Amino acid sequence: PDQSLWRSGRSRFQVMMIPQGSFYSNAVRLNVI
């Protein structure tokens, strides 16, 4: 959790990443605007 995106900022939203494995068998490209 301490690696969450935007954790150090003032946003009320944060983003946690999902690892590949099991039925999550494909990678998706992620971007920030």
Full PDB file with SEQRES, HELIX, SHEET, SSBOND, CRYST1, ORIGX, SCALE, CONECT and MASTER records, all heavy atoms in Angstrom:
SEQRES   1 A   33  PRO ASP GLN SER LEU TRP ARG SER GLY ARG SER ARG PHE          
SEQRES   2 A   33  GLN VAL MET MET ILE PRO GLN GLY SER PHE TYR SER ASN          
SEQRES   3 A   33  ALA VAL ARG LEU ASN VAL ILE                                  
CRYST1    1.000    1.000    1.000  90.00  90.00  90.00 P 1           1          
ORIGX1      1.000000  0.000000  0.000000        0.00000                         
ORIGX2      0.000000  1.000000  0.000000        0.00000                         
ORIGX3      0.000000  0.000000  1.000000        0.00000                         
SCALE1      1.000000  0.000000  0.000000        0.00000                         
SCALE2      0.000000  1.000000  0.000000        0.00000                         
SCALE3      0.000000  0.000000  1.000000        0.00000                         
ATOM      1  N   PRO A   1       0.799  -1.231   0.000  1.00  0.00           N  
ATOM      2  CA  PRO A   1       0.000   0.000   0.000  1.00  0.00           C  
ATOM      3  C   PRO A   1       0.829   1.277   0.000  1.00  0.00           C  
ATOM      4  O   PRO A   1       0.400   2.296  -0.557  1.00  0.00           O  
ATOM      5  CB  PRO A   1      -0.836  -0.127   1.277  1.00  0.00           C  
ATOM      6  CG  PRO A   1      -0.932  -1.598   1.524  1.00  0.00           C  
ATOM      7  CD  PRO A   1       0.394  -2.153   1.084  1.00  0.00           C  
ATOM      8  N   ASP A   2       2.033   1.221   0.609  1.00  0.00           N  
ATOM      9  CA  ASP A   2       2.840   2.443   0.648  1.00  0.00           C  
ATOM     10  C   ASP A   2       3.442   2.781  -0.714  1.00  0.00           C  
ATOM     11  O   ASP A   2       4.078   3.832  -0.884  1.00  0.00           O  
ATOM     12  CB  ASP A   2       3.934   2.334   1.711  1.00  0.00           C  
ATOM     13  CG  ASP A   2       4.908   1.189   1.458  1.00  0.00           C  
ATOM     14  OD1 ASP A   2       4.758   0.474   0.442  1.00  0.00           O  
ATOM     15  OD2 ASP A   2       5.817   1.001   2.286  1.00  0.00           O  
ATOM     16  N   GLN A   3       3.237   1.895  -1.706  1.00  0.00           N  
ATOM     17  CA  GLN A   3       3.691   2.159  -3.061  1.00  0.00           C  
ATOM     18  C   GLN A   3       2.569   2.730  -3.943  1.00  0.00           C  
ATOM     19  O   GLN A   3       2.759   2.919  -5.149  1.00  0.00           O  
ATOM     20  CB  GLN A   3       4.225   0.873  -3.697  1.00  0.00           C  
ATOM     21  CG  GLN A   3       5.434   0.286  -3.007  1.00  0.00           C  
ATOM     22  CD  GLN A   3       6.642   1.203  -3.110  1.00  0.00           C  
ATOM     23  OE1 GLN A   3       6.948   1.707  -4.182  1.00  0.00           O  
ATOM     24  NE2 GLN A   3       7.331   1.415  -1.997  1.00  0.00           N  
ATOM     25  N   SER A   4       1.419   2.999  -3.352  1.00  0.00           N  
ATOM     26  CA  SER A   4       0.268   3.468  -4.129  1.00  0.00           C  
ATOM     27  C   SER A   4       0.576   4.772  -4.856  1.00  0.00           C  
ATOM     28  O   SER A   4       1.226   5.673  -4.316  1.00  0.00           O  
ATOM     29  CB  SER A   4      -0.941   3.675  -3.202  1.00  0.00           C  
ATOM     30  OG  SER A   4      -1.373   2.458  -2.643  1.00  0.00           O  
ATOM     31  N   LEU A   5       0.087   4.853  -6.072  1.00  0.00           N  
ATOM     32  CA  LEU A   5       0.230   6.063  -6.868  1.00  0.00           C  
ATOM     33  C   LEU A   5      -0.521   7.209  -6.204  1.00  0.00           C  
ATOM     34  O   LEU A   5      -1.663   7.031  -5.760  1.00  0.00           O  
ATOM     35  CB  LEU A   5      -0.307   5.798  -8.278  1.00  0.00           C  
ATOM     36  CG  LEU A   5      -0.134   6.890  -9.329  1.00  0.00           C  
ATOM     37  CD1 LEU A   5       1.341   7.107  -9.650  1.00  0.00           C  
ATOM     38  CD2 LEU A   5      -0.902   6.507 -10.594  1.00  0.00           C  
ATOM     39  N   TRP A   6       0.090   8.386  -6.125  1.00  0.00           N  
ATOM     40  CA  TRP A   6      -0.444   9.623  -5.563  1.00  0.00           C  
ATOM     41  C   TRP A   6      -0.540   9.595  -4.034  1.00  0.00           C  
ATOM     42  O   TRP A   6      -1.171  10.454  -3.430  1.00  0.00           O  
ATOM     43  CB  TRP A   6      -1.822   9.968  -6.145  1.00  0.00           C  
ATOM     44  CG  TRP A   6      -1.839  10.039  -7.635  1.00  0.00           C  
ATOM     45  CD1 TRP A   6      -0.834  10.477  -8.457  1.00  0.00           C  
ATOM     46  CD2 TRP A   6      -2.905   9.647  -8.508  1.00  0.00           C  
ATOM     47  NE1 TRP A   6      -1.200  10.384  -9.770  1.00  0.00           N  
ATOM     48  CE2 TRP A   6      -2.464   9.889  -9.841  1.00  0.00           C  
ATOM     49  CE3 TRP A   6      -4.183   9.138  -8.291  1.00  0.00           C  
ATOM     50  CZ2 TRP A   6      -3.256   9.609 -10.938  1.00  0.00           C  
ATOM     51  CZ3 TRP A   6      -4.977   8.858  -9.397  1.00  0.00           C  
ATOM     52  CH2 TRP A   6      -4.520   9.086 -10.701  1.00  0.00           C  
ATOM     53  N   ARG A   7       0.104   8.635  -3.398  1.00  0.00           N  
ATOM     54  CA  ARG A   7       0.055   8.544  -1.943  1.00  0.00           C  
ATOM     55  C   ARG A   7       0.682   9.764  -1.275  1.00  0.00           C  
ATOM     56  O   ARG A   7       0.229  10.215  -0.221  1.00  0.00           O  
ATOM     57  CB  ARG A   7       0.770   7.269  -1.469  1.00  0.00           C  
ATOM     58  CG  ARG A   7       0.698   7.028   0.038  1.00  0.00           C  
ATOM     59  CD  ARG A   7       1.417   5.734   0.410  1.00  0.00           C  
ATOM     60  NE  ARG A   7       1.404   5.501   1.844  1.00  0.00           N  
ATOM     61  CZ  ARG A   7       0.444   4.851   2.489  1.00  0.00           C  
ATOM     62  NH1 ARG A   7      -0.601   4.382   1.824  1.00  0.00           N  
ATOM     63  NH2 ARG A   7       0.513   4.663   3.796  1.00  0.00           N  
ATOM     64  N   SER A   8       1.710  10.319  -1.908  1.00  0.00           N  
ATOM     65  CA  SER A   8       2.421  11.442  -1.303  1.00  0.00           C  
ATOM     66  C   SER A   8       1.785  12.789  -1.619  1.00  0.00           C  
ATOM     67  O   SER A   8       2.205  13.817  -1.085  1.00  0.00           O  
ATOM     68  CB  SER A   8       3.882  11.447  -1.768  1.00  0.00           C  
ATOM     69  OG  SER A   8       3.946  11.563  -3.187  1.00  0.00           O  
ATOM     70  N   GLY A   9       0.786  12.807  -2.481  1.00  0.00           N  
ATOM     71  CA  GLY A   9       0.153  14.068  -2.840  1.00  0.00           C  
ATOM     72  C   GLY A   9      -1.083  14.344  -2.012  1.00  0.00           C  
ATOM     73  O   GLY A   9      -1.341  13.710  -0.991  1.00  0.00           O  
ATOM     74  N   ARG A  10      -1.895  15.289  -2.463  1.00  0.00           N  
ATOM     75  CA  ARG A  10      -3.101  15.674  -1.738  1.00  0.00           C  
ATOM     76  C   ARG A  10      -4.370  15.136  -2.387  1.00  0.00           C  
ATOM     77  O   ARG A  10      -5.473  15.511  -1.998  1.00  0.00           O  
ATOM     78  CB  ARG A  10      -3.178  17.196  -1.632  1.00  0.00           C  
ATOM     79  CG  ARG A  10      -2.079  17.814  -0.750  1.00  0.00           C  
ATOM     80  CD  ARG A  10      -2.326  19.300  -0.557  1.00  0.00           C  
ATOM     81  NE  ARG A  10      -2.227  20.032  -1.816  1.00  0.00           N  
ATOM     82  CZ  ARG A  10      -2.705  21.260  -2.001  1.00  0.00           C  
ATOM     83  NH1 ARG A  10      -3.366  21.860  -1.023  1.00  0.00           N  
ATOM     84  NH2 ARG A  10      -2.556  21.860  -3.173  1.00  0.00           N  
ATOM     85  N   SER A  11      -4.198  14.249  -3.343  1.00  0.00           N  
ATOM     86  CA  SER A  11      -5.366  13.646  -3.980  1.00  0.00           C  
ATOM     87  C   SER A  11      -6.058  12.701  -3.007  1.00  0.00           C  
ATOM     88  O   SER A  11      -5.407  11.972  -2.244  1.00  0.00           O  
ATOM     89  CB  SER A  11      -4.946  12.859  -5.232  1.00  0.00           C  
ATOM     90  OG  SER A  11      -6.035  12.104  -5.731  1.00  0.00           O  
ATOM     91  N   ARG A  12      -7.391  12.699  -3.024  1.00  0.00           N  
ATOM     92  CA  ARG A  12      -8.145  11.759  -2.197  1.00  0.00           C  
ATOM     93  C   ARG A  12      -8.162  10.368  -2.818  1.00  0.00           C  
ATOM     94  O   ARG A  12      -8.521   9.392  -2.156  1.00  0.00           O  
ATOM     95  CB  ARG A  12      -9.578  12.269  -2.002  1.00  0.00           C  
ATOM     96  CG  ARG A  12      -9.632  13.676  -1.398  1.00  0.00           C  
ATOM     97  CD  ARG A  12     -11.049  14.163  -1.264  1.00  0.00           C  
ATOM     98  NE  ARG A  12     -11.718  13.534  -0.139  1.00  0.00           N  
ATOM     99  CZ  ARG A  12     -13.009  13.701   0.152  1.00  0.00           C  
ATOM    100  NH1 ARG A  12     -13.760  14.471  -0.634  1.00  0.00           N  
ATOM    101  NH2 ARG A  12     -13.545  13.100   1.182  1.00  0.00           N  
ATOM    102  N   PHE A  13      -7.795  10.282  -4.095  1.00  0.00           N  
ATOM    103  CA  PHE A  13      -7.719   9.003  -4.792  1.00  0.00           C  
ATOM    104  C   PHE A  13      -6.285   8.491  -4.787  1.00  0.00           C  
ATOM    105  O   PHE A  13      -5.339   9.265  -4.897  1.00  0.00           O  
ATOM    106  CB  PHE A  13      -8.168   9.147  -6.249  1.00  0.00           C  
ATOM    107  CG  PHE A  13      -9.627   9.476  -6.425  1.00  0.00           C  
ATOM    108  CD1 PHE A  13     -10.061  10.798  -6.416  1.00  0.00           C  
ATOM    109  CD2 PHE A  13     -10.564   8.469  -6.603  1.00  0.00           C  
ATOM    110  CE1 PHE A  13     -11.393  11.113  -6.586  1.00  0.00           C  
ATOM    111  CE2 PHE A  13     -11.904   8.776  -6.781  1.00  0.00           C  
ATOM    112  CZ  PHE A  13     -12.333  10.092  -6.769  1.00  0.00           C  
ATOM    113  N   GLN A  14      -6.139   7.174  -4.665  1.00  0.00           N  
ATOM    114  CA  GLN A  14      -4.858   6.518  -4.849  1.00  0.00           C  
ATOM    115  C   GLN A  14      -5.062   5.293  -5.730  1.00  0.00           C  
ATOM    116  O   GLN A  14      -6.191   4.814  -5.899  1.00  0.00           O  
ATOM    117  CB  GLN A  14      -4.239   6.122  -3.503  1.00  0.00           C  
ATOM    118  CG  GLN A  14      -3.858   7.312  -2.630  1.00  0.00           C  
ATOM    119  CD  GLN A  14      -3.257   6.909  -1.297  1.00  0.00           C  
ATOM    120  OE1 GLN A  14      -2.747   5.794  -1.140  1.00  0.00           O  
ATOM    121  NE2 GLN A  14      -3.306   7.816  -0.324  1.00  0.00           N  
ATOM    122  N   VAL A  15      -3.963   4.793  -6.311  1.00  0.00           N  
ATOM    123  CA  VAL A  15      -4.027   3.681  -7.253  1.00  0.00           C  
ATOM    124  C   VAL A  15      -3.091   2.568  -6.803  1.00  0.00           C  
ATOM    125  O   VAL A  15      -1.909   2.816  -6.537  1.00  0.00           O  
ATOM    126  CB  VAL A  15      -3.643   4.135  -8.674  1.00  0.00           C  
ATOM    127  CG1 VAL A  15      -3.828   2.986  -9.667  1.00  0.00           C  
ATOM    128  CG2 VAL A  15      -4.464   5.346  -9.101  1.00  0.00           C  
ATOM    129  N   MET A  16      -3.628   1.343  -6.722  1.00  0.00           N  
ATOM    130  CA  MET A  16      -2.845   0.149  -6.422  1.00  0.00           C  
ATOM    131  C   MET A  16      -2.803  -0.723  -7.673  1.00  0.00           C  
ATOM    132  O   MET A  16      -3.803  -0.847  -8.387  1.00  0.00           O  
ATOM    133  CB  MET A  16      -3.478  -0.619  -5.258  1.00  0.00           C  
ATOM    134  CG  MET A  16      -3.657   0.213  -3.991  1.00  0.00           C  
ATOM    135  SD  MET A  16      -4.583  -0.664  -2.681  1.00  0.00           S  
ATOM    136  CE  MET A  16      -3.411  -1.957  -2.249  1.00  0.00           C  
ATOM    137  N   MET A  17      -1.651  -1.343  -7.939  1.00  0.00           N  
ATOM    138  CA  MET A  17      -1.490  -2.146  -9.144  1.00  0.00           C  
ATOM    139  C   MET A  17      -1.851  -3.611  -8.887  1.00  0.00           C  
ATOM    140  O   MET A  17      -1.681  -4.126  -7.782  1.00  0.00           O  
ATOM    141  CB  MET A  17      -0.055  -2.054  -9.665  1.00  0.00           C  
ATOM    142  CG  MET A  17       0.472  -0.624  -9.788  1.00  0.00           C  
ATOM    143  SD  MET A  17      -0.616   0.461 -10.750  1.00  0.00           S  
ATOM    144  CE  MET A  17       0.128   2.055 -10.431  1.00  0.00           C  
ATOM    145  N   ILE A  18      -2.340  -4.279  -9.942  1.00  0.00           N  
ATOM    146  CA  ILE A  18      -2.715  -5.687  -9.865  1.00  0.00           C  
ATOM    147  C   ILE A  18      -1.640  -6.509 -10.559  1.00  0.00           C  
ATOM    148  O   ILE A  18      -1.269  -6.226 -11.706  1.00  0.00           O  
ATOM    149  CB  ILE A  18      -4.077  -5.942 -10.536  1.00  0.00           C  
ATOM    150  CG1 ILE A  18      -5.174  -5.147  -9.824  1.00  0.00           C  
ATOM    151  CG2 ILE A  18      -4.423  -7.428 -10.545  1.00  0.00           C  
ATOM    152  CD1 ILE A  18      -6.536  -5.258 -10.484  1.00  0.00           C  
ATOM    153  N   PRO A  19      -1.114  -7.560  -9.899  1.00  0.00           N  
ATOM    154  CA  PRO A  19      -0.079  -8.384 -10.527  1.00  0.00           C  
ATOM    155  C   PRO A  19      -0.679  -9.362 -11.532  1.00  0.00           C  
ATOM    156  O   PRO A  19      -1.837  -9.774 -11.415  1.00  0.00           O  
ATOM    157  CB  PRO A  19       0.531  -9.145  -9.343  1.00  0.00           C  
ATOM    158  CG  PRO A  19      -0.612  -9.286  -8.377  1.00  0.00           C  
ATOM    159  CD  PRO A  19      -1.412  -8.011  -8.523  1.00  0.00           C  
ATOM    160  N   GLN A  20       0.096  -9.731 -12.528  1.00  0.00           N  
ATOM    161  CA  GLN A  20      -0.323 -10.789 -13.433  1.00  0.00           C  
ATOM    162  C   GLN A  20      -0.203 -12.141 -12.731  1.00  0.00           C  
ATOM    163  O   GLN A  20       0.617 -12.331 -11.841  1.00  0.00           O  
ATOM    164  CB  GLN A  20       0.540 -10.790 -14.695  1.00  0.00           C  
ATOM    165  CG  GLN A  20       0.276  -9.638 -15.638  1.00  0.00           C  
ATOM    166  CD  GLN A  20       0.965  -9.843 -16.968  1.00  0.00           C  
ATOM    167  OE1 GLN A  20       0.616 -10.740 -17.730  1.00  0.00           O  
ATOM    168  NE2 GLN A  20       1.954  -9.003 -17.247  1.00  0.00           N  
ATOM    169  N   GLY A  21      -1.037 -13.078 -13.168  1.00  0.00           N  
ATOM    170  CA  GLY A  21      -1.009 -14.412 -12.605  1.00  0.00           C  
ATOM    171  C   GLY A  21      -2.406 -15.004 -12.529  1.00  0.00           C  
ATOM    172  O   GLY A  21      -3.405 -14.283 -12.564  1.00  0.00           O  
ATOM    173  N   SER A  22      -2.488 -16.337 -12.452  1.00  0.00           N  
ATOM    174  CA  SER A  22      -3.765 -17.048 -12.397  1.00  0.00           C  
ATOM    175  C   SER A  22      -4.598 -16.651 -13.614  1.00  0.00           C  
ATOM    176  O   SER A  22      -4.116 -16.719 -14.751  1.00  0.00           O  
ATOM    177  CB  SER A  22      -4.468 -16.740 -11.084  1.00  0.00           C  
ATOM    178  OG  SER A  22      -5.616 -17.544 -10.922  1.00  0.00           O  
ATOM    179  N   PHE A  23      -5.846 -16.208 -13.424  1.00  0.00           N  
ATOM    180  CA  PHE A  23      -6.671 -15.846 -14.577  1.00  0.00           C  
ATOM    181  C   PHE A  23      -6.384 -14.431 -15.077  1.00  0.00           C  
ATOM    182  O   PHE A  23      -6.937 -14.007 -16.099  1.00  0.00           O  
ATOM    183  CB  PHE A  23      -8.157 -15.998 -14.259  1.00  0.00           C  
ATOM    184  CG  PHE A  23      -8.591 -15.319 -13.000  1.00  0.00           C  
ATOM    185  CD1 PHE A  23      -8.907 -13.980 -12.993  1.00  0.00           C  
ATOM    186  CD2 PHE A  23      -8.689 -16.036 -11.813  1.00  0.00           C  
ATOM    187  CE1 PHE A  23      -9.304 -13.342 -11.830  1.00  0.00           C  
ATOM    188  CE2 PHE A  23      -9.096 -15.407 -10.646  1.00  0.00           C  
ATOM    189  CZ  PHE A  23      -9.406 -14.061 -10.653  1.00  0.00           C  
ATOM    190  N   TYR A  24      -5.530 -13.667 -14.381  1.00  0.00           N  
ATOM    191  CA  TYR A  24      -5.063 -12.374 -14.895  1.00  0.00           C  
ATOM    192  C   TYR A  24      -3.838 -12.647 -15.771  1.00  0.00           C  
ATOM    193  O   TYR A  24      -2.698 -12.526 -15.338  1.00  0.00           O  
ATOM    194  CB  TYR A  24      -4.697 -11.429 -13.761  1.00  0.00           C  
ATOM    195  CG  TYR A  24      -5.871 -10.953 -12.940  1.00  0.00           C  
ATOM    196  CD1 TYR A  24      -6.011 -11.318 -11.601  1.00  0.00           C  
ATOM    197  CD2 TYR A  24      -6.834 -10.115 -13.488  1.00  0.00           C  
ATOM    198  CE1 TYR A  24      -7.079 -10.874 -10.837  1.00  0.00           C  
ATOM    199  CE2 TYR A  24      -7.907  -9.662 -12.735  1.00  0.00           C  
ATOM    200  CZ  TYR A  24      -8.028 -10.047 -11.417  1.00  0.00           C  
ATOM    201  OH  TYR A  24      -9.087  -9.610 -10.670  1.00  0.00           O  
ATOM    202  N   SER A  25      -4.094 -12.996 -17.021  1.00  0.00           N  
ATOM    203  CA  SER A  25      -3.026 -13.563 -17.850  1.00  0.00           C  
ATOM    204  C   SER A  25      -2.421 -12.587 -18.854  1.00  0.00           C  
ATOM    205  O   SER A  25      -1.502 -12.960 -19.585  1.00  0.00           O  
ATOM    206  CB  SER A  25      -3.563 -14.782 -18.611  1.00  0.00           C  
ATOM    207  OG  SER A  25      -4.674 -14.422 -19.419  1.00  0.00           O  
ATOM    208  N   ASN A  26      -2.939 -11.341 -18.893  1.00  0.00           N  
ATOM    209  CA  ASN A  26      -2.414 -10.374 -19.865  1.00  0.00           C  
ATOM    210  C   ASN A  26      -2.037  -9.068 -19.181  1.00  0.00           C  
ATOM    211  O   ASN A  26      -2.686  -8.658 -18.215  1.00  0.00           O  
ATOM    212  CB  ASN A  26      -3.448 -10.078 -20.950  1.00  0.00           C  
ATOM    213  CG  ASN A  26      -3.897 -11.312 -21.697  1.00  0.00           C  
ATOM    214  OD1 ASN A  26      -5.035 -11.741 -21.563  1.00  0.00           O  
ATOM    215  ND2 ASN A  26      -3.000 -11.899 -22.470  1.00  0.00           N  
ATOM    216  N   ALA A  27      -1.026  -8.412 -19.728  1.00  0.00           N  
ATOM    217  CA  ALA A  27      -0.633  -7.096 -19.224  1.00  0.00           C  
ATOM    218  C   ALA A  27      -1.446  -6.008 -19.902  1.00  0.00           C  
ATOM    219  O   ALA A  27      -1.862  -6.147 -21.055  1.00  0.00           O  
ATOM    220  CB  ALA A  27       0.853  -6.862 -19.462  1.00  0.00           C  
ATOM    221  N   VAL A  28      -1.703  -4.924 -19.172  1.00  0.00           N  
ATOM    222  CA  VAL A  28      -2.317  -3.732 -19.758  1.00  0.00           C  
ATOM    223  C   VAL A  28      -1.364  -2.559 -19.542  1.00  0.00           C  
ATOM    224  O   VAL A  28      -0.655  -2.496 -18.542  1.00  0.00           O  
ATOM    225  CB  VAL A  28      -3.696  -3.422 -19.125  1.00  0.00           C  
ATOM    226  CG1 VAL A  28      -4.689  -4.534 -19.414  1.00  0.00           C  
ATOM    227  CG2 VAL A  28      -3.589  -3.185 -17.630  1.00  0.00           C  
ATOM    228  N   ARG A  29      -1.351  -1.662 -20.503  1.00  0.00           N  
ATOM    229  CA  ARG A  29      -0.508  -0.477 -20.375  1.00  0.00           C  
ATOM    230  C   ARG A  29      -1.251   0.568 -19.543  1.00  0.00           C  
ATOM    231  O   ARG A  29      -2.434   0.851 -19.783  1.00  0.00           O  
ATOM    232  CB  ARG A  29      -0.153   0.072 -21.761  1.00  0.00           C  
ATOM    233  CG  ARG A  29       0.684  -0.870 -22.606  1.00  0.00           C  
ATOM    234  CD  ARG A  29       1.050  -0.263 -23.956  1.00  0.00           C  
ATOM    235  NE  ARG A  29      -0.116  -0.050 -24.791  1.00  0.00           N  
ATOM    236  CZ  ARG A  29      -0.674  -0.985 -25.550  1.00  0.00           C  
ATOM    237  NH1 ARG A  29      -0.179  -2.219 -25.564  1.00  0.00           N  
ATOM    238  NH2 ARG A  29      -1.722  -0.707 -26.301  1.00  0.00           N  
ATOM    239  N   LEU A  30      -0.562   1.160 -18.583  1.00  0.00           N  
ATOM    240  CA  LEU A  30      -1.158   2.160 -17.698  1.00  0.00           C  
ATOM    241  C   LEU A  30      -0.434   3.493 -17.877  1.00  0.00           C  
ATOM    242  O   LEU A  30       0.802   3.530 -17.979  1.00  0.00           O  
ATOM    243  CB  LEU A  30      -1.067   1.713 -16.239  1.00  0.00           C  
ATOM    244  CG  LEU A  30      -1.725   0.376 -15.881  1.00  0.00           C  
ATOM    245  CD1 LEU A  30      -1.531   0.061 -14.397  1.00  0.00           C  
ATOM    246  CD2 LEU A  30      -3.209   0.393 -16.230  1.00  0.00           C  
ATOM    247  N   ASN A  31      -1.213   4.565 -17.892  1.00  0.00           N  
ATOM    248  CA  ASN A  31      -0.662   5.907 -18.083  1.00  0.00           C  
ATOM    249  C   ASN A  31      -1.334   6.878 -17.122  1.00  0.00           C  
ATOM    250  O   ASN A  31      -2.479   6.693 -16.718  1.00  0.00           O  
ATOM    251  CB  ASN A  31      -0.913   6.394 -19.509  1.00  0.00           C  
ATOM    252  CG  ASN A  31      -0.384   5.453 -20.567  1.00  0.00           C  
ATOM    253  OD1 ASN A  31       0.771   5.504 -20.955  1.00  0.00           O  
ATOM    254  ND2 ASN A  31      -1.258   4.566 -21.051  1.00  0.00           N  
ATOM    255  N   VAL A  32      -0.601   7.944 -16.788  1.00  0.00           N  
ATOM    256  CA  VAL A  32      -1.134   9.041 -15.985  1.00  0.00           C  
ATOM    257  C   VAL A  32      -1.143  10.301 -16.841  1.00  0.00           C  
ATOM    258  O   VAL A  32      -0.187  10.572 -17.589  1.00  0.00           O  
ATOM    259  CB  VAL A  32      -0.275   9.267 -14.719  1.00  0.00           C  
ATOM    260  CG1 VAL A  32      -0.679  10.563 -14.021  1.00  0.00           C  
ATOM    261  CG2 VAL A  32      -0.420   8.099 -13.769  1.00  0.00           C  
ATOM    262  N   ILE A  33      -2.243  11.045 -16.733  1.00  0.00           N  
ATOM    263  CA  ILE A  33      -2.356  12.340 -17.403  1.00  0.00           C  
ATOM    264  C   ILE A  33      -2.302  13.425 -16.343  1.00  0.00           C  
ATOM    265  O   ILE A  33      -3.100  13.415 -15.388  1.00  0.00           O  
ATOM    266  CB  ILE A  33      -3.682  12.462 -18.188  1.00  0.00           C  
ATOM    267  CG1 ILE A  33      -3.873  11.274 -19.132  1.00  0.00           C  
ATOM    268  CG2 ILE A  33      -3.732  13.765 -18.956  1.00  0.00           C  
ATOM    269  CD1 ILE A  33      -5.270  11.198 -19.721  1.00  0.00           C  
TER     270      ILE A  33                                                      
MASTER        0    0    0    0    0    0    0    6  269    1    0    3          
END                                                                             
